[in-house]
C-alpha atoms as a PDB file:
ATOM      1  CA  MET A   1      10.927 -13.605 -13.533  1.00  0.00           C
ATOM      2  CA  GLN A   2       8.998 -12.352 -10.749  1.00  0.00           C
ATOM      3  CA  LYS A   3       6.564 -14.900  -8.665  1.00  0.00           C
ATOM      4  CA  VAL A   4       2.852 -14.102  -8.737  1.00  0.00           C
ATOM      5  CA  ALA A   5       0.680 -14.471  -5.490  1.00  0.00           C
ATOM      6  CA  LEU A   6      -3.124 -14.618  -5.688  1.00  0.00           C
ATOM      7  CA  VAL A   7      -4.793 -13.195  -2.453  1.00  0.00           C
ATOM      8  CA  THR A   8      -8.493 -13.349  -2.116  1.00  0.00           C
ATOM      9  CA  GLY A   9     -10.285 -10.964  -0.235  1.00  0.00           C
ATOM     10  CA  SER A  10      -7.362  -8.191  -0.431  1.00  0.00           C
ATOM     11  CA  ALA A  11      -9.170  -5.181  -1.139  1.00  0.00           C
ATOM     12  CA  SER A  12      -8.818  -4.319   2.829  1.00  0.00           C
ATOM     13  CA  GLY A  13      -8.087  -5.786   6.087  1.00  0.00           C
ATOM     14  CA  ILE A  14      -5.745  -8.677   6.380  1.00  0.00           C
ATOM     15  CA  GLY A  15      -5.868  -9.289   2.654  1.00  0.00           C
ATOM     16  CA  ALA A  16      -4.763  -5.567   1.847  1.00  0.00           C
ATOM     17  CA  ALA A  17      -1.923  -6.312   4.485  1.00  0.00           C
ATOM     18  CA  THR A  18      -1.066  -9.706   2.856  1.00  0.00           C
ATOM     19  CA  ALA A  19      -1.230  -8.669  -0.691  1.00  0.00           C
ATOM     20  CA  ARG A  20       0.806  -5.564   0.557  1.00  0.00           C
ATOM     21  CA  ARG A  21       3.592  -7.547   2.359  1.00  0.00           C
ATOM     22  CA  LEU A  22       3.933  -9.902  -0.467  1.00  0.00           C
ATOM     23  CA  ALA A  23       4.588  -6.991  -2.929  1.00  0.00           C
ATOM     24  CA  LYS A  24       7.503  -6.286  -0.483  1.00  0.00           C
ATOM     25  CA  ASP A  25       8.651  -9.600  -0.571  1.00  0.00           C
ATOM     26  CA  GLY A  26       8.957  -8.709  -4.312  1.00  0.00           C
ATOM     27  CA  MET A  27       6.109 -10.687  -5.922  1.00  0.00           C
ATOM     28  CA  VAL A  28       3.158  -9.182  -8.358  1.00  0.00           C
ATOM     29  CA  VAL A  29       0.328  -9.676  -6.718  1.00  0.00           C
ATOM     30  CA  ALA A  30      -3.192 -10.291  -7.697  1.00  0.00           C
ATOM     31  CA  ILE A  31      -5.862  -8.078  -5.912  1.00  0.00           C
ATOM     32  CA  HIS A  32      -9.682  -9.747  -5.535  1.00  0.00           C
ATOM     33  CA  SER A  33     -12.647  -9.000  -4.361  1.00  0.00           C
ATOM     34  CA  ARG A  34     -16.800  -9.051  -4.175  1.00  0.00           C
ATOM     35  CA  SER A  35     -17.831  -5.745  -4.228  1.00  0.00           C
ATOM     36  CA  SER A  36     -14.425  -3.242  -2.999  1.00  0.00           C
ATOM     37  CA  ARG A  37     -13.829  -2.618  -7.258  1.00  0.00           C
ATOM     38  CA  GLU A  38     -12.435   1.488  -6.530  1.00  0.00           C
ATOM     39  CA  ALA A  39     -10.520  -0.305  -3.558  1.00  0.00           C
ATOM     40  CA  GLY A  40      -9.198  -3.135  -4.984  1.00  0.00           C
ATOM     41  CA  VAL A  41      -8.152  -1.484  -8.505  1.00  0.00           C
ATOM     42  CA  ALA A  42      -6.319   1.515  -6.119  1.00  0.00           C
ATOM     43  CA  LEU A  43      -4.385  -1.560  -4.186  1.00  0.00           C
ATOM     44  CA  ALA A  44      -3.746  -3.406  -7.783  1.00  0.00           C
ATOM     45  CA  ALA A  45      -1.987  -0.200  -8.901  1.00  0.00           C
ATOM     46  CA  GLU A  46      -0.326   0.802  -5.711  1.00  0.00           C
ATOM     47  CA  LEU A  47       1.597  -2.213  -5.929  1.00  0.00           C
ATOM     48  CA  GLY A  48       1.873  -2.799  -9.635  1.00  0.00           C
ATOM     49  CA  GLY A  49      -0.343  -6.278 -10.070  1.00  0.00           C
ATOM     50  CA  SER A  50      -3.566  -6.489 -11.137  1.00  0.00           C
ATOM     51  CA  TYR A  51      -7.512  -6.236  -9.740  1.00  0.00           C
ATOM     52  CA  HIS A  52      -9.931  -9.243 -10.435  1.00  0.00           C
ATOM     53  CA  GLN A  53     -13.359  -9.107  -9.194  1.00  0.00           C
ATOM     54  CA  ALA A  54     -15.434 -12.081  -8.698  1.00  0.00           C
ATOM     55  CA  ASP A  55     -18.606 -13.572  -6.068  1.00  0.00           C
ATOM     56  CA  LEU A  56     -16.627 -16.442  -4.470  1.00  0.00           C
ATOM     57  CA  GLU A  57     -20.323 -17.681  -3.682  1.00  0.00           C
ATOM     58  CA  ASP A  58     -20.663 -18.632  -7.184  1.00  0.00           C
ATOM     59  CA  ASP A  59     -18.600 -21.671  -8.140  1.00  0.00           C
ATOM     60  CA  ALA A  60     -18.020 -20.231 -11.844  1.00  0.00           C
ATOM     61  CA  ALA A  61     -16.536 -17.224 -10.381  1.00  0.00           C
ATOM     62  CA  ALA A  62     -14.768 -18.703  -8.042  1.00  0.00           C
ATOM     63  CA  SER A  63     -13.136 -21.705 -10.349  1.00  0.00           C
ATOM     64  CA  GLY A  64     -12.388 -18.624 -12.910  1.00  0.00           C
ATOM     65  CA  LEU A  65     -10.488 -16.485 -10.489  1.00  0.00           C
ATOM     66  CA  VAL A  66      -7.584 -18.503 -11.138  1.00  0.00           C
ATOM     67  CA  PRO A  67      -7.786 -18.723 -14.883  1.00  0.00           C
ATOM     68  CA  SER A  68      -8.357 -14.464 -15.257  1.00  0.00           C
ATOM     69  CA  VAL A  69      -5.025 -14.475 -13.132  1.00  0.00           C
ATOM     70  CA  MET A  70      -2.920 -16.776 -15.714  1.00  0.00           C
ATOM     71  CA  ALA A  71      -4.182 -14.996 -18.476  1.00  0.00           C
ATOM     72  CA  GLU A  72      -3.224 -11.580 -16.661  1.00  0.00           C
ATOM     73  CA  HIS A  73      -0.079 -13.151 -15.660  1.00  0.00           C
ATOM     74  CA  GLY A  74       1.344 -16.032 -17.258  1.00  0.00           C
ATOM     75  CA  ARG A  75       1.710 -18.316 -13.787  1.00  0.00           C
ATOM     76  CA  LEU A  76       0.801 -18.711  -9.976  1.00  0.00           C
ATOM     77  CA  ASP A  77       3.357 -19.336  -7.116  1.00  0.00           C
ATOM     78  CA  VAL A  78       1.309 -18.399  -4.401  1.00  0.00           C
ATOM     79  CA  LEU A  79      -2.361 -18.753  -3.306  1.00  0.00           C
ATOM     80  CA  VAL A  80      -3.536 -17.155  -0.208  1.00  0.00           C
ATOM     81  CA  ASN A  81      -7.404 -17.939   0.426  1.00  0.00           C
ATOM     82  CA  ASN A  82      -8.136 -15.236   2.769  1.00  0.00           C
ATOM     83  CA  ALA A  83     -11.790 -14.094   1.524  1.00  0.00           C
ATOM     84  CA  GLY A  84     -14.308 -15.088   3.959  1.00  0.00           C
ATOM     85  CA  ILE A  85     -18.099 -14.061   6.105  1.00  0.00           C
ATOM     86  CA  SER A  86     -19.218 -14.385   9.415  1.00  0.00           C
ATOM     87  CA  TRP A  87     -22.442 -13.741  11.111  1.00  0.00           C
ATOM     88  CA  PRO A  88     -21.696 -11.949  14.678  1.00  0.00           C
ATOM     89  CA  VAL A  89     -24.216 -14.931  16.189  1.00  0.00           C
ATOM     90  CA  PRO A  90     -23.106 -16.252  19.632  1.00  0.00           C
ATOM     91  CA  HIS A  91     -22.630 -19.989  18.897  1.00  0.00           C
ATOM     92  CA  ALA A  92     -24.955 -20.795  21.636  1.00  0.00           C
ATOM     93  CA  GLU A  93     -27.999 -19.641  19.889  1.00  0.00           C
ATOM     94  CA  LEU A  94     -28.833 -22.468  18.031  1.00  0.00           C
ATOM     95  CA  ASP A  95     -31.456 -20.839  15.893  1.00  0.00           C
ATOM     96  CA  GLY A  96     -29.293 -18.136  15.572  1.00  0.00           C
ATOM     97  CA  LEU A  97     -28.701 -19.181  11.563  1.00  0.00           C
ATOM     98  CA  SER A  98     -30.859 -20.065   8.897  1.00  0.00           C
ATOM     99  CA  ALA A  99     -29.659 -23.375   6.506  1.00  0.00           C
ATOM    100  CA  ALA A 100     -29.237 -20.717   3.640  1.00  0.00           C
ATOM    101  CA  ALA A 101     -27.207 -18.732   6.010  1.00  0.00           C
ATOM    102  CA  TRP A 102     -25.086 -22.152   6.787  1.00  0.00           C
ATOM    103  CA  ARG A 103     -25.152 -22.876   2.667  1.00  0.00           C
ATOM    104  CA  ARG A 104     -23.755 -19.433   2.306  1.00  0.00           C
ATOM    105  CA  LEU A 105     -21.201 -19.420   4.874  1.00  0.00           C
ATOM    106  CA  LEU A 106     -20.002 -22.753   3.420  1.00  0.00           C
ATOM    107  CA  ASP A 107     -19.652 -22.190   0.100  1.00  0.00           C
ATOM    108  CA  VAL A 108     -17.720 -18.382   1.010  1.00  0.00           C
ATOM    109  CA  ASN A 109     -15.491 -19.847   3.943  1.00  0.00           C
ATOM    110  CA  LEU A 110     -14.984 -23.873   2.415  1.00  0.00           C
ATOM    111  CA  ILE A 111     -16.519 -24.550  -0.911  1.00  0.00           C
ATOM    112  CA  ALA A 112     -14.670 -21.718  -2.738  1.00  0.00           C
ATOM    113  CA  PRO A 113     -11.233 -22.298  -1.456  1.00  0.00           C
ATOM    114  CA  TRP A 114     -11.512 -25.889  -2.572  1.00  0.00           C
ATOM    115  CA  LEU A 115     -12.418 -24.549  -5.871  1.00  0.00           C
ATOM    116  CA  LEU A 116      -9.729 -22.042  -5.828  1.00  0.00           C
ATOM    117  CA  CYS A 117      -7.067 -24.337  -4.602  1.00  0.00           C
ATOM    118  CA  THR A 118      -8.086 -27.566  -7.621  1.00  0.00           C
ATOM    119  CA  ALA A 119      -8.191 -24.800 -10.252  1.00  0.00           C
ATOM    120  CA  ALA A 120      -4.637 -23.172  -9.050  1.00  0.00           C
ATOM    121  CA  LEU A 121      -2.914 -26.629  -8.798  1.00  0.00           C
ATOM    122  CA  PRO A 122      -2.102 -27.351 -11.970  1.00  0.00           C
ATOM    123  CA  ALA A 123       0.130 -23.721 -12.264  1.00  0.00           C
ATOM    124  CA  LEU A 124       1.220 -24.227  -8.820  1.00  0.00           C
ATOM    125  CA  ARG A 125       2.922 -27.740  -9.211  1.00  0.00           C
ATOM    126  CA  GLU A 126       4.289 -26.345 -12.141  1.00  0.00           C
ATOM    127  CA  SER A 127       6.131 -23.563 -10.044  1.00  0.00           C
ATOM    128  CA  GLY A 128       6.836 -25.616  -6.903  1.00  0.00           C
ATOM    129  CA  GLY A 129       4.364 -23.400  -5.122  1.00  0.00           C
ATOM    130  CA  CYS A 130       2.237 -23.367  -2.020  1.00  0.00           C
ATOM    131  CA  VAL A 131      -1.700 -22.415  -0.641  1.00  0.00           C
ATOM    132  CA  VAL A 132      -1.908 -20.633   2.919  1.00  0.00           C
ATOM    133  CA  ASN A 133      -5.546 -20.929   3.829  1.00  0.00           C
ATOM    134  CA  VAL A 134      -6.671 -17.718   6.317  1.00  0.00           C
ATOM    135  CA  THR A 135      -9.181 -20.097   8.881  1.00  0.00           C
ATOM    136  CA  SER A 136      -9.561 -19.301  12.532  1.00  0.00           C
ATOM    137  CA  HIS A 137      -8.947 -19.368  16.088  1.00  0.00           C
ATOM    138  CA  ALA A 138     -13.034 -20.057  16.080  1.00  0.00           C
ATOM    139  CA  GLY A 139     -12.111 -23.671  13.880  1.00  0.00           C
ATOM    140  CA  VAL A 140      -9.322 -24.737  16.203  1.00  0.00           C
ATOM    141  CA  ARG A 141     -11.112 -24.393  19.860  1.00  0.00           C
ATOM    142  CA  PRO A 142     -15.180 -24.901  19.493  1.00  0.00           C
ATOM    143  CA  LYS A 143     -16.363 -21.217  21.097  1.00  0.00           C
ATOM    144  CA  GLY A 144     -15.982 -17.789  20.379  1.00  0.00           C
ATOM    145  CA  SER A 145     -18.373 -17.457  17.321  1.00  0.00           C
ATOM    146  CA  SER A 146     -21.040 -19.455  15.706  1.00  0.00           C
ATOM    147  CA  ILE A 147     -21.448 -22.783  15.452  1.00  0.00           C
ATOM    148  CA  ALA A 148     -21.600 -22.049  11.700  1.00  0.00           C
ATOM    149  CA  TYR A 149     -18.659 -20.134  11.185  1.00  0.00           C
ATOM    150  CA  ALA A 150     -16.443 -22.299  13.545  1.00  0.00           C
ATOM    151  CA  ALA A 151     -17.239 -25.142  11.605  1.00  0.00           C
ATOM    152  CA  SER A 152     -17.218 -23.799   8.184  1.00  0.00           C
ATOM    153  CA  LYS A 153     -12.955 -22.695   9.412  1.00  0.00           C
ATOM    154  CA  ALA A 154     -12.462 -26.012  11.171  1.00  0.00           C
ATOM    155  CA  ALA A 155     -13.181 -27.905   7.998  1.00  0.00           C
ATOM    156  CA  LEU A 156     -11.019 -25.720   6.063  1.00  0.00           C
ATOM    157  CA  ASN A 157      -8.084 -26.476   8.862  1.00  0.00           C
ATOM    158  CA  HIS A 158      -8.892 -30.140   8.080  1.00  0.00           C
ATOM    159  CA  VAL A 159      -9.002 -29.541   4.274  1.00  0.00           C
ATOM    160  CA  THR A 160      -5.476 -27.878   4.318  1.00  0.00           C
ATOM    161  CA  LYS A 161      -3.897 -30.670   6.133  1.00  0.00           C
ATOM    162  CA  LEU A 162      -5.118 -33.186   4.124  1.00  0.00           C
ATOM    163  CA  LEU A 163      -4.673 -31.547   0.919  1.00  0.00           C
ATOM    164  CA  ALA A 164      -0.670 -31.143   2.308  1.00  0.00           C
ATOM    165  CA  ALA A 165      -0.798 -35.006   2.370  1.00  0.00           C
ATOM    166  CA  ALA A 166      -1.769 -35.543  -0.642  1.00  0.00           C
ATOM    167  CA  LEU A 167      -0.019 -32.693  -2.918  1.00  0.00           C
ATOM    168  CA  GLY A 168       3.444 -33.091  -1.075  1.00  0.00           C
ATOM    169  CA  PRO A 169       6.303 -32.396  -1.942  1.00  0.00           C
ATOM    170  CA  ASP A 170       4.846 -30.435  -4.984  1.00  0.00           C
ATOM    171  CA  VAL A 171       2.843 -28.039  -3.578  1.00  0.00           C
ATOM    172  CA  ARG A 172       2.510 -27.028   0.161  1.00  0.00           C
ATOM    173  CA  VAL A 173      -0.569 -26.333   2.236  1.00  0.00           C
ATOM    174  CA  ASN A 174      -0.352 -24.452   5.481  1.00  0.00           C
ATOM    175  CA  ALA A 175      -2.950 -22.488   7.244  1.00  0.00           C
ATOM    176  CA  VAL A 176      -2.974 -19.184   9.547  1.00  0.00           C
ATOM    177  CA  ALA A 177      -5.763 -19.336  12.241  1.00  0.00           C
ATOM    178  CA  PRO A 178      -6.104 -15.639  14.248  1.00  0.00           C
ATOM    179  CA  GLY A 179      -8.358 -15.046  16.944  1.00  0.00           C
ATOM    180  CA  LEU A 180      -9.300 -11.053  16.761  1.00  0.00           C
ATOM    181  CA  VAL A 181      -7.723  -8.954  14.378  1.00  0.00           C
ATOM    182  CA  ASP A 182      -8.021  -5.152  14.931  1.00  0.00           C
ATOM    183  CA  THR A 183      -9.935  -3.722  11.545  1.00  0.00           C
ATOM    184  CA  PRO A 184     -12.657  -1.891  11.035  1.00  0.00           C
ATOM    185  CA  LEU A 185     -15.141  -4.871  11.030  1.00  0.00           C
ATOM    186  CA  THR A 186     -14.218  -5.708  14.679  1.00  0.00           C
ATOM    187  CA  ALA A 187     -14.049  -2.175  16.029  1.00  0.00           C
ATOM    188  CA  SER A 188     -17.222  -2.425  17.537  1.00  0.00           C
ATOM    189  CA  TRP A 189     -16.788  -6.211  18.809  1.00  0.00           C
ATOM    190  CA  THR A 190     -16.431  -4.316  22.288  1.00  0.00           C
ATOM    191  CA  GLU A 191     -16.748  -7.724  24.277  1.00  0.00           C
ATOM    192  CA  ALA A 192     -14.143  -9.377  22.047  1.00  0.00           C
ATOM    193  CA  GLN A 193     -11.606  -6.534  22.530  1.00  0.00           C
ATOM    194  CA  GLU A 194     -11.977  -6.656  26.147  1.00  0.00           C
ATOM    195  CA  LEU A 195     -11.724 -10.346  26.477  1.00  0.00           C
ATOM    196  CA  TRP A 196      -8.023 -10.194  24.552  1.00  0.00           C
ATOM    197  CA  LYS A 197      -7.181  -6.794  25.990  1.00  0.00           C
ATOM    198  CA  THR A 198      -7.270  -8.636  29.807  1.00  0.00           C
ATOM    199  CA  SER A 199      -6.794 -12.241  28.879  1.00  0.00           C
ATOM    200  CA  SER A 200      -4.311 -12.818  26.276  1.00  0.00           C
ATOM    201  CA  PRO A 201      -0.608 -12.876  27.210  1.00  0.00           C
ATOM    202  CA  MET A 202      -0.336 -10.108  24.387  1.00  0.00           C
ATOM    203  CA  ARG A 203      -2.993  -7.987  25.977  1.00  0.00           C
ATOM    204  CA  ARG A 204      -4.146  -6.765  22.537  1.00  0.00           C
ATOM    205  CA  ALA A 205      -6.103  -7.884  19.027  1.00  0.00           C
ATOM    206  CA  ALA A 206      -3.574  -8.942  16.185  1.00  0.00           C
ATOM    207  CA  GLU A 207      -3.016  -5.944  13.788  1.00  0.00           C
ATOM    208  CA  PRO A 208      -3.208  -7.108  10.141  1.00  0.00           C
ATOM    209  CA  SER A 209      -0.053  -7.036   9.518  1.00  0.00           C
ATOM    210  CA  ASP A 210       0.804  -9.564  12.330  1.00  0.00           C
ATOM    211  CA  VAL A 211      -1.094 -11.866  10.051  1.00  0.00           C
ATOM    212  CA  ALA A 212       0.609 -10.943   6.993  1.00  0.00           C
ATOM    213  CA  ASP A 213       3.893 -11.048   8.205  1.00  0.00           C
ATOM    214  CA  LEU A 214       3.001 -15.326   9.208  1.00  0.00           C
ATOM    215  CA  ILE A 215       1.664 -15.986   6.159  1.00  0.00           C
ATOM    216  CA  SER A 216       5.013 -14.511   4.220  1.00  0.00           C
ATOM    217  CA  SER A 217       7.011 -16.583   6.508  1.00  0.00           C
ATOM    218  CA  LEU A 218       4.895 -19.658   5.544  1.00  0.00           C
ATOM    219  CA  VAL A 219       5.318 -18.707   1.952  1.00  0.00           C
ATOM    220  CA  HIS A 220       8.707 -18.846   2.343  1.00  0.00           C
ATOM    221  CA  ASN A 221       9.675 -21.315   4.288  1.00  0.00           C
ATOM    222  CA  THR A 222      10.231 -24.552   1.773  1.00  0.00           C
ATOM    223  CA  TYR A 223      10.010 -27.131   4.443  1.00  0.00           C
ATOM    224  CA  ILE A 224       6.587 -26.215   6.562  1.00  0.00           C
ATOM    225  CA  THR A 225       3.350 -28.017   5.221  1.00  0.00           C
ATOM    226  CA  GLY A 226       0.100 -29.282   6.926  1.00  0.00           C
ATOM    227  CA  GLU A 227      -0.016 -26.870   9.359  1.00  0.00           C
ATOM    228  CA  VAL A 228      -2.375 -24.681  11.118  1.00  0.00           C
ATOM    229  CA  VAL A 229      -0.485 -22.179  13.215  1.00  0.00           C
ATOM    230  CA  LEU A 230      -2.614 -20.626  15.627  1.00  0.00           C
ATOM    231  CA  LEU A 231      -2.118 -16.747  15.741  1.00  0.00           C
ATOM    232  CA  ASP A 232      -4.248 -15.273  19.088  1.00  0.00           C
ATOM    233  CA  GLY A 233      -1.852 -13.879  21.413  1.00  0.00           C
ATOM    234  CA  GLY A 234      -1.310 -16.507  23.533  1.00  0.00           C
ATOM    235  CA  LEU A 235      -5.281 -17.021  24.227  1.00  0.00           C
ATOM    236  CA  ASN A 236      -5.408 -20.239  24.192  1.00  0.00           C
ATOM    237  CA  LEU A 237      -3.110 -20.217  27.000  1.00  0.00           C
ATOM    238  CA  ARG A 238      -5.937 -19.214  29.196  1.00  0.00           C
END
């Protein structure tokens, strides 16, 4: 029987590249988005998977996403928590984000992955599956984004390690921490683009496929757990 993967935030960008890679690996992929229904439905049809719409800012919707996938496919082997939100506020601007914005960031970037993990746990235990959380370079190094965004991703990195310790050997949990990724969203981030082109050893931002390939590796290597793998083209060396 084919393995089933749920990739959140997968109608475009890193999520779509990951969905395509896991489908290429032979998995049935459940596509998720909050609002990009047309793109999500089209990608699901392209890959022979299913589409599921949910606003992860809502606890009930986040918790209900896994049962929706289970009802469609009857099993779950891989959970990729890719969906996330950000605001382009420099971390030095201490008054840049309101308390409401902080709560929204934490709801989507931290609480939703936790709710998805706990909802998926019975199915993942049964299948001997795994979780891959998509965090951020900003959650590893305390610079490069707003404090709230970086803090939410740093917290998800720590949750990754804590879950791996708690769930092994039944379920593996790892994280990928990308730096700048070349997507339509980041195309206008000229300062960040210039930083990666001039200061990273690889002299470029990552492509979504670079992140997808690493996620695939973590899914298939059955001895790696509790790792947060930095994918920043070597910028951390600077």
